[in-house]
Amino acid sequence: MATAKLADGRAFPVSGETSLLDAALAAGIALPYSCRTGRCSTCKAQVHGGGTRALMAESGLTAAELADGWILTCARTADSDLSLDAESLDRIALPPVKTLPARIAQLEHLAPDVLRVVLRLPPTAGFAYIPGQYIDVIGNNGIRRSYSLANAPSENKLLELHIRAVENGAMSQFWFKEAKVNDLLRLNGPLGTFLLRDTANVDLIFLATGTGIAPVKALLESLVHLPEEESPRSVTVLWGGRHAQDLYLDVAGIGGNHTYVPVQSRPDADWTGQAGHVQDVLLRLNPDLKNAAVYACGSDAMIHSARQRLVESGLPPKRFYSDAFVCSGTN
């Protein structure tokens, strides 16, 4: 049995093939995480002493990060007692993870390849979540896929998902060709830590690509309920898609007051707005990154590029938060 000690002095036991992330959660210590497959780097931490062993590939880290002692806590266990520098989320009370039944309440095409699914929970279901989290949906054949919750919690207990079609995907086959209103499914959650941290007088910047706008929508809806003393100084949303049809929501009308910048990476002929990648467009706007907190959700490539470009341009590294969408293979 090894012991992992955090920079704030707290420690937790790690045994067998248990990942550092799971061992911390079992001990009641909340660490950041998202994909839990070693690919998104949300659970990145730095080892300052002791040994670890990889349980899976850490493709979410660069060679330079690995050389500097960075690890992914979802992908490693402890080989000996160790000292770990990792962000703690203990000020945020994460809701308990549950497995519950849910029925499809609505199905709506937002774009040719994007489906809005609304799930209805049982009236007695005590399901709580924080905007920015996701759930796993479990189909009748046992296939499990992760989807961000696209709405802030409400009294009607409805859960909104934005689902993109994946060619030859087993779950996509169900959603786009077989699913019907009132079908019964199971869900597991809430999961993930793509949550708002300190917001008071901060310039909040949201970067999204594709259906990465889903958790951003939930976060925008939640901002209107913040106490005045926790209000950000400004809120800016950049949402990128290849073409106009990929920008399937009226983001300007979501939540309270914010600046919305739509971006096309392969602009249509009549497009007069911003073109390119969202992180490059953001830098062209010359934001005050020293006072900013960036929340990025979308493709893995965008997340890695945005983190590097923005930190190099003055963003404090610990104020970049991300939720990378990683492909499950046969989605």
Foldseek 3Di string as FASTA:
>chain_A
DAWEAEPVGDIFDFDDFQFQQRRCVVVVWHFFDFPLQLAQCQQKKFWPDADKDFQHDNNNDDPVCVVRRIDRRSGITGPHYTYIYGDTPVVDDADDKDKFKWFWADWDDLFPFKIKTKIAGPPPDPDDGAQPWWKWKQDPVRDTDIFHFQAADDPRRITITIDGADVQFPVSCCRVPNDDGGDMIMMIDRDGDLHDDQAFQFEEEEEEEFSQCRSVLHVQQCQLVDDPRRHYVAYEYEYEYQEPSSVRDPVCPGHDDHHYFYEHQNYDPPDPGHYRHRLVVVVVVVDPQQRHAYEYEEASVNLVVNLVVSVVVPHDNVRYHYHHDDDPPRD
